[in-house]
Protein backbone atom coordinates (compact mmCIF):
# COMPACT_ATOMS: atom_id res chain seq x y z
CA MET A 1 0.08 -0.40 -0.18
CA PHE A 2 1.23 3.62 -1.05
CA ARG A 3 0.64 5.88 1.74
CA ALA A 4 2.01 9.27 3.21
CA ALA A 5 4.23 8.06 6.22
CA ARG A 6 3.05 8.44 10.00
CA PRO A 7 4.73 9.23 13.00
CA ASP A 8 4.93 5.47 13.89
CA ASP A 9 6.99 4.99 10.86
CA PHE A 10 10.20 6.74 11.83
CA ALA A 11 11.98 3.78 13.03
CA GLN A 12 11.30 1.56 9.83
CA ILE A 13 12.58 4.68 6.95
CA ILE A 14 15.71 5.15 9.29
CA ARG A 15 15.90 1.07 8.78
CA LEU A 16 15.51 2.04 4.91
CA TYR A 17 18.10 5.12 4.90
CA ARG A 18 20.69 3.15 6.43
CA GLN A 19 21.10 0.64 3.28
CA LEU A 20 21.16 3.77 1.35
CA ASN A 21 23.67 5.56 3.19
CA PRO A 22 25.69 2.73 5.35
CA ASP A 23 28.49 4.98 6.50
CA ASP A 24 26.07 8.09 7.96
CA PRO A 25 26.60 7.74 11.56
CA VAL A 26 23.79 6.96 13.80
CA LEU A 27 22.40 9.96 15.74
CA ASP A 28 21.96 9.13 18.90
CA ASP A 29 21.37 12.84 20.13
CA GLY A 30 17.17 13.24 18.94
CA SER A 31 18.50 15.03 15.79
CA ASP A 32 16.77 12.67 13.09
CA GLU A 33 13.50 12.15 14.76
CA ALA A 34 13.60 15.86 15.15
CA ALA A 35 14.03 16.66 11.39
CA PHE A 36 11.22 13.69 10.72
CA GLN A 37 9.10 15.82 12.74
CA GLN A 38 9.43 18.94 10.91
CA ILE A 39 8.91 16.83 7.58
CA MET A 40 6.13 15.85 8.96
CA GLY A 41 5.01 18.92 10.21
CA THR A 42 5.79 20.90 6.87
CA PRO A 43 3.69 21.36 4.22
CA GLY A 44 5.05 20.99 0.51
CA LEU A 45 6.90 18.25 2.47
CA ARG A 46 5.84 14.83 1.94
CA LEU A 47 7.46 11.70 2.96
CA PHE A 48 6.21 8.22 1.15
CA VAL A 49 5.97 4.37 2.23
CA LEU A 50 4.82 1.71 0.78
CA GLU A 51 3.68 -0.93 3.11
CA LEU A 52 3.12 -4.61 2.75
CA ASP A 53 2.23 -6.75 5.34
CA GLY A 54 2.52 -4.15 7.86
CA VAL A 55 6.36 -3.67 7.15
CA VAL A 56 7.74 -0.39 4.96
CA VAL A 57 9.73 -2.03 2.11
CA ALA A 58 9.98 1.22 0.60
CA THR A 59 10.20 4.96 1.05
CA THR A 60 10.73 8.40 -1.11
CA TYR A 61 10.72 11.60 0.22
CA LEU A 62 8.85 14.70 -2.11
CA ASN A 63 9.56 18.14 -1.91
CA LEU A 64 6.90 20.56 -3.64
CA ILE A 65 8.99 23.82 -4.56
CA PRO A 66 6.64 26.53 -4.90
CA ASN A 67 7.81 28.59 -8.48
CA ILE A 68 7.33 32.25 -9.84
CA SER A 69 8.20 31.14 -13.70
CA ARG A 70 6.33 28.28 -15.15
CA SER A 71 3.26 30.26 -15.03
CA ALA A 72 3.77 30.12 -11.09
CA SER A 73 3.63 26.43 -11.23
CA PRO A 74 5.50 24.52 -8.33
CA TYR A 75 7.92 21.50 -9.19
CA ALA A 76 8.93 18.81 -7.07
CA VAL A 77 12.58 17.33 -6.48
CA ILE A 78 12.64 13.78 -4.93
CA GLU A 79 15.06 12.32 -2.53
CA ASN A 80 15.85 9.57 -0.42
CA VAL A 81 14.36 6.57 -2.64
CA VAL A 82 15.00 3.67 -0.88
CA VAL A 83 13.71 0.13 -1.59
CA ASP A 84 14.62 -2.76 1.01
CA GLU A 85 17.34 -4.37 -0.50
CA SER A 86 15.77 -7.83 0.17
CA ARG A 87 13.51 -6.41 -2.33
CA ARG A 88 14.97 -4.99 -4.75
CA GLY A 89 13.62 -5.53 -8.33
CA THR A 90 10.31 -7.02 -7.39
CA GLY A 91 8.91 -3.68 -8.93
CA LEU A 92 8.40 -1.87 -5.48
CA GLY A 93 10.58 0.86 -6.66
CA ARG A 94 8.19 1.48 -9.96
CA GLN A 95 5.31 1.19 -7.59
CA ILE A 96 6.68 4.03 -5.22
CA MET A 97 7.87 6.31 -7.85
CA ALA A 98 4.49 6.15 -9.63
CA GLY A 99 3.02 7.30 -6.63
CA THR A 100 5.32 9.78 -5.71
CA LEU A 101 5.52 10.98 -9.22
CA GLN A 102 1.27 11.25 -9.56
CA ALA A 103 1.45 13.45 -6.03
CA ALA A 104 3.91 16.04 -7.61
CA TRP A 105 1.52 16.12 -10.72
CA ASP A 106 -1.63 16.06 -8.57
CA ALA A 107 -0.11 19.31 -6.67
CA GLY A 108 0.38 21.09 -10.25
CA CYS A 109 4.26 20.68 -10.65
CA TYR A 110 5.27 21.09 -13.85
CA LYS A 111 8.42 18.82 -13.37
CA ALA A 112 9.93 16.37 -10.81
CA MET A 113 13.81 15.84 -10.58
CA LEU A 114 16.40 13.57 -8.74
CA MET A 115 19.23 13.23 -8.39
CA THR A 116 21.35 10.17 -8.05
CA GLY A 117 25.42 9.35 -6.93
CA SER A 118 24.94 5.68 -7.95
CA ARG A 119 26.97 4.72 -10.94
CA ASN A 120 25.43 1.46 -11.62
CA PRO A 121 24.00 1.36 -14.59
CA ALA A 122 21.01 -0.69 -13.28
CA THR A 123 19.97 2.41 -11.08
CA HIS A 124 19.75 4.83 -14.23
CA ALA A 125 17.60 2.44 -15.97
CA PHE A 126 15.30 2.49 -13.23
CA TYR A 127 15.03 6.11 -13.28
CA ARG A 128 14.75 5.85 -17.02
CA ALA A 129 11.74 3.31 -16.78
CA CYS A 130 10.05 5.52 -14.18
CA GLY A 131 9.66 8.38 -17.08
CA PHE A 132 12.86 10.29 -16.26
CA SER A 133 15.41 11.66 -18.62
CA ALA A 134 19.48 12.15 -17.86
CA ASP A 135 19.53 14.27 -21.25
CA ALA A 136 17.25 17.23 -20.61
CA LYS A 137 18.78 19.10 -17.91
CA THR A 138 22.62 19.01 -16.43
CA ALA A 139 22.97 18.98 -12.42
CA TYR A 140 25.65 20.55 -10.43
CA LEU A 141 26.50 19.61 -6.85
CA ALA A 142 27.88 21.59 -3.85
CA ARG A 143 28.81 21.20 -0.88
CA PRO A 144 30.10 23.51 2.24
CA PRO A 145 34.16 23.78 2.11
CA ALA A 146 35.61 21.53 4.73
CA SER A 147 36.33 22.84 8.42
CA GLY A 148 39.99 23.77 8.68
CA SER A 149 39.09 23.21 12.82
């Protein structure tokens, strides 16, 4: 079942995020849960999950961004697309992406964007199969400079 995340989904979503970024530190200060609550309470920020038999098996994070150009139509940025590693290749990724894109279109978005750091050809084939094009735009990424302290 594709649905909006609920407050009690936090632990299952974090479990999936650890599969996405296994080198991320485990936060024990509650800042991850505080960020989750902020996302849950902010209009335009939407976490979605795909649930099977009471277990969250996939998640996406949809950011709806107001816009002045394009007839004042919003656009969407999709982040943190994760399917449980034991269930990859079963169609669940396409299912959650279809629901996420439909939510963007229902919100009046004129485009939806995402970036991936993956070099795996299967990942790129997956996004193309979901309707994304790598040829339409060029993405650039900036990160803050490393701290000298």
